[in-house]
């Protein structure tokens, strides 16, 4: 059971890094149109979309990715430990 916890924690951490890379790619013109950018868009946009519907952008600044990363952080830090403490 402990190895499953470690695997899920690692997966959430890797996904967080993928989100951060995807967000930083918006600063570089044409980066999201590359094949790597397209791959990241396919795995990141479905998760970011609900946050974008709830949190409106403040002018040119979109804070929804920050909230999405915080949710992943809390899920990894607290959610997994609570979930696995039940078993």
C-alpha atoms as a PDB file:
ATOM      1  CA  UNK A   1       0.000   0.000   0.000  1.00  0.00           C
ATOM      2  CA  UNK A   2       2.915   2.328   0.754  1.00  0.00           C
ATOM      3  CA  UNK A   3       4.306   1.915  -2.771  1.00  0.00           C
ATOM      4  CA  UNK A   4       0.951   2.979  -4.234  1.00  0.00           C
ATOM      5  CA  UNK A   5       1.041   6.112  -2.087  1.00  0.00           C
ATOM      6  CA  UNK A   6       4.547   6.921  -3.320  1.00  0.00           C
ATOM      7  CA  UNK A   7       3.521   6.278  -6.932  1.00  0.00           C
ATOM      8  CA  UNK A   8       0.452   8.534  -6.714  1.00  0.00           C
ATOM      9  CA  UNK A   9       2.449  11.252  -4.984  1.00  0.00           C
ATOM     10  CA  UNK A  10       5.095  11.105  -7.718  1.00  0.00           C
ATOM     11  CA  UNK A  11       2.425  11.231 -10.425  1.00  0.00           C
ATOM     12  CA  UNK A  12       0.837  14.345  -8.884  1.00  0.00           C
ATOM     13  CA  UNK A  13       4.244  15.988  -8.566  1.00  0.00           C
ATOM     14  CA  UNK A  14       5.119  15.260 -12.196  1.00  0.00           C
ATOM     15  CA  UNK A  15       1.734  16.593 -13.305  1.00  0.00           C
ATOM     16  CA  UNK A  16       2.368  19.775 -11.296  1.00  0.00           C
ATOM     17  CA  UNK A  17       5.673  20.226 -13.125  1.00  0.00           C
ATOM     18  CA  UNK A  18       3.913  19.662 -16.455  1.00  0.00           C
ATOM     19  CA  UNK A  19       1.415  22.396 -15.552  1.00  0.00           C
ATOM     20  CA  UNK A  20       4.197  24.809 -14.602  1.00  0.00           C
ATOM     21  CA  UNK A  21       6.034  24.169 -17.879  1.00  0.00           C
ATOM     22  CA  UNK A  22       2.781  24.615 -19.808  1.00  0.00           C
ATOM     23  CA  UNK A  23       2.096  27.917 -18.059  1.00  0.00           C
ATOM     24  CA  UNK A  24       5.600  29.238 -18.738  1.00  0.00           C
ATOM     25  CA  UNK A  25       5.258  28.260 -22.390  1.00  0.00           C
ATOM     26  CA  UNK A  26       2.628  30.986 -22.753  1.00  0.00           C
ATOM     27  CA  UNK A  27       5.407  33.562 -22.307  1.00  0.00           C
ATOM     28  CA  UNK A  28       7.185  32.417 -25.472  1.00  0.00           C
ATOM     29  CA  UNK A  29       5.521  33.039 -28.841  1.00  0.00           C
ATOM     30  CA  UNK A  30       4.822  29.857 -30.751  1.00  0.00           C
ATOM     31  CA  UNK A  31       5.916  27.528 -27.959  1.00  0.00           C
ATOM     32  CA  UNK A  32       2.440  26.103 -27.457  1.00  0.00           C
ATOM     33  CA  UNK A  33       2.132  25.412 -31.182  1.00  0.00           C
ATOM     34  CA  UNK A  34       5.074  22.977 -31.095  1.00  0.00           C
ATOM     35  CA  UNK A  35       4.520  19.242 -30.794  1.00  0.00           C
ATOM     36  CA  UNK A  36       5.626  19.327 -27.134  1.00  0.00           C
ATOM     37  CA  UNK A  37       3.262  22.244 -26.491  1.00  0.00           C
ATOM     38  CA  UNK A  38       0.438  20.329 -28.129  1.00  0.00           C
ATOM     39  CA  UNK A  39       1.147  17.307 -25.940  1.00  0.00           C
ATOM     40  CA  UNK A  40       1.125  19.454 -22.791  1.00  0.00           C
ATOM     41  CA  UNK A  41      -2.092  21.140 -23.925  1.00  0.00           C
ATOM     42  CA  UNK A  42      -3.782  17.748 -24.284  1.00  0.00           C
ATOM     43  CA  UNK A  43      -2.885  16.718 -20.753  1.00  0.00           C
ATOM     44  CA  UNK A  44      -3.148  20.107 -18.987  1.00  0.00           C
ATOM     45  CA  UNK A  45      -6.153  21.871 -20.519  1.00  0.00           C
ATOM     46  CA  UNK A  46      -8.802  19.367 -19.324  1.00  0.00           C
ATOM     47  CA  UNK A  47      -7.634  19.968 -15.739  1.00  0.00           C
ATOM     48  CA  UNK A  48      -7.302  23.759 -16.103  1.00  0.00           C
ATOM     49  CA  UNK A  49     -10.651  24.304 -17.830  1.00  0.00           C
ATOM     50  CA  UNK A  50     -12.907  23.983 -14.730  1.00  0.00           C
ATOM     51  CA  UNK A  51     -10.680  26.428 -12.831  1.00  0.00           C
ATOM     52  CA  UNK A  52     -10.890  28.922 -15.698  1.00  0.00           C
ATOM     53  CA  UNK A  53     -14.684  28.711 -15.592  1.00  0.00           C
ATOM     54  CA  UNK A  54     -14.748  29.481 -11.861  1.00  0.00           C
ATOM     55  CA  UNK A  55     -11.959  32.089 -11.601  1.00  0.00           C
ATOM     56  CA  UNK A  56     -12.203  34.946 -14.107  1.00  0.00           C
ATOM     57  CA  UNK A  57      -8.967  36.536 -15.369  1.00  0.00           C
ATOM     58  CA  UNK A  58      -7.889  39.810 -13.787  1.00  0.00           C
ATOM     59  CA  UNK A  59      -7.144  41.870 -16.855  1.00  0.00           C
ATOM     60  CA  UNK A  60      -4.332  40.075 -18.673  1.00  0.00           C
ATOM     61  CA  UNK A  61      -3.490  37.848 -15.690  1.00  0.00           C
ATOM     62  CA  UNK A  62      -5.043  34.405 -15.380  1.00  0.00           C
ATOM     63  CA  UNK A  63      -4.830  33.191 -11.784  1.00  0.00           C
ATOM     64  CA  UNK A  64      -6.649  29.908 -12.374  1.00  0.00           C
ATOM     65  CA  UNK A  65      -3.431  27.909 -13.054  1.00  0.00           C
ATOM     66  CA  UNK A  66      -2.027  29.047  -9.702  1.00  0.00           C
ATOM     67  CA  UNK A  67      -5.154  27.798  -7.935  1.00  0.00           C
ATOM     68  CA  UNK A  68      -5.013  24.556  -9.926  1.00  0.00           C
ATOM     69  CA  UNK A  69      -1.413  23.946  -8.838  1.00  0.00           C
ATOM     70  CA  UNK A  70      -2.304  24.721  -5.221  1.00  0.00           C
ATOM     71  CA  UNK A  71      -5.132  22.178  -5.377  1.00  0.00           C
ATOM     72  CA  UNK A  72      -2.666  19.559  -6.642  1.00  0.00           C
ATOM     73  CA  UNK A  73      -0.229  20.488  -3.874  1.00  0.00           C
ATOM     74  CA  UNK A  74      -2.852  20.094  -1.155  1.00  0.00           C
ATOM     75  CA  UNK A  75      -4.124  16.863  -2.712  1.00  0.00           C
ATOM     76  CA  UNK A  76      -0.600  15.465  -2.726  1.00  0.00           C
ATOM     77  CA  UNK A  77       0.337  16.729   0.728  1.00  0.00           C
ATOM     78  CA  UNK A  78      -2.861  16.180   2.688  1.00  0.00           C
ATOM     79  CA  UNK A  79      -5.359  14.318   0.521  1.00  0.00           C
ATOM     80  CA  UNK A  80      -3.244  11.259  -0.185  1.00  0.00           C
ATOM     81  CA  UNK A  81      -2.189  10.875   3.439  1.00  0.00           C
ATOM     82  CA  UNK A  82      -5.801  11.109   4.623  1.00  0.00           C
ATOM     83  CA  UNK A  83      -6.955   8.714   1.924  1.00  0.00           C
ATOM     84  CA  UNK A  84      -4.317   6.114   2.769  1.00  0.00           C
ATOM     85  CA  UNK A  85      -4.779   6.486   6.533  1.00  0.00           C
ATOM     86  CA  UNK A  86      -8.208   4.887   6.102  1.00  0.00           C
ATOM     87  CA  UNK A  87      -6.599   1.640   4.930  1.00  0.00           C
END
